[in-house]
Protein backbone atom coordinates (compact mmCIF):
# COMPACT_ATOMS: atom_id res chain seq x y z
CA MET A 1 79.20 91.67 111.59
CA GLU A 2 80.07 88.71 109.57
CA LYS A 3 80.50 85.50 110.84
CA PRO A 4 84.25 83.82 110.85
CA VAL A 5 85.02 81.39 108.57
CA SER A 6 84.27 78.07 110.08
CA ASN A 7 86.13 75.01 109.46
CA GLU A 8 84.40 73.12 107.26
CA LYS A 9 84.50 76.29 104.68
CA LEU A 10 88.26 77.01 105.33
CA ALA A 11 88.91 73.00 104.76
CA TYR A 12 86.53 73.73 101.62
CA TYR A 13 89.15 76.39 100.94
CA GLN A 14 92.13 74.68 101.59
CA GLU A 15 91.40 71.52 99.06
CA PHE A 16 90.54 74.54 96.17
CA LEU A 17 94.32 75.61 96.98
CA GLU A 18 94.90 71.60 95.98
CA ILE A 19 92.93 71.72 92.55
CA ILE A 20 93.71 75.46 91.17
CA PRO A 21 97.14 74.68 89.74
CA MET A 22 96.73 71.92 87.84
CA LEU A 23 94.06 74.45 86.32
CA PHE A 24 96.59 76.70 84.74
CA GLN A 25 99.52 75.91 83.05
CA GLU A 26 101.88 79.14 84.42
CA ASP A 27 102.84 78.69 87.65
CA VAL A 28 100.22 79.84 90.09
CA SER A 29 100.80 80.91 93.90
CA MET A 30 98.14 82.29 96.35
CA ALA A 31 97.47 82.96 99.37
CA LEU A 32 94.18 82.47 101.83
CA ALA A 33 93.67 84.87 104.53
CA ASP A 34 90.65 86.16 106.84
CA MET A 35 91.65 89.52 106.52
CA LYS A 36 94.30 89.87 109.15
CA THR A 37 96.23 86.83 108.87
CA PHE A 38 97.80 84.18 105.86
CA ILE A 39 95.73 81.10 106.79
CA ASP A 40 97.83 78.95 103.96
CA VAL A 41 100.13 80.45 101.14
CA ARG A 42 101.13 77.90 98.55
CA VAL A 43 103.90 79.62 96.29
CA SER A 44 105.75 78.18 93.07
CA GLU A 45 109.40 78.30 92.25
CA GLY A 46 108.58 80.34 89.49
CA LEU A 47 106.39 82.61 90.81
CA PRO A 48 107.88 84.22 94.37
CA LEU A 49 105.40 85.34 96.79
CA ASN A 50 105.79 87.69 99.94
CA ALA A 51 103.56 86.26 102.29
CA LYS A 52 104.14 83.12 104.45
CA THR A 53 101.31 81.45 106.36
CA GLY A 54 100.76 82.78 109.89
CA GLN A 55 101.99 86.09 108.93
CA ALA A 56 99.92 89.25 109.36
CA VAL A 57 98.23 90.90 106.01
CA PRO A 58 99.61 94.28 105.36
CA GLN A 59 97.35 97.10 105.85
CA GLY A 60 96.40 98.63 102.39
CA GLY A 61 97.39 95.39 100.10
CA ALA A 62 95.50 93.64 97.82
CA GLN A 63 94.72 90.79 99.58
CA SER A 64 93.12 92.94 102.22
CA THR A 65 90.82 93.88 99.49
CA ARG A 66 87.20 92.92 100.60
CA LEU A 67 85.67 91.29 97.63
C-alpha cells in the first residue's frame, strides 16, 4: 500500500503548477489530485476545465488513471 503524499511533496507539486503555464505559448489548464479529490485546480480563460478544488475525482476519468 502506498503512503499518502506528504505535505512537502504536495507543496512541490503546487509550486510546479505555477511554473507550467510559463512553458507554453498556448493556454494551459491542469489539476492536481490524490486519486480521490482535486487538491488544486488551475484553469486558464481559453481552456476551461470541469473540475474544482475539493471536488471528488470522477471514477473512470482520465484523471483517475494512475501513472
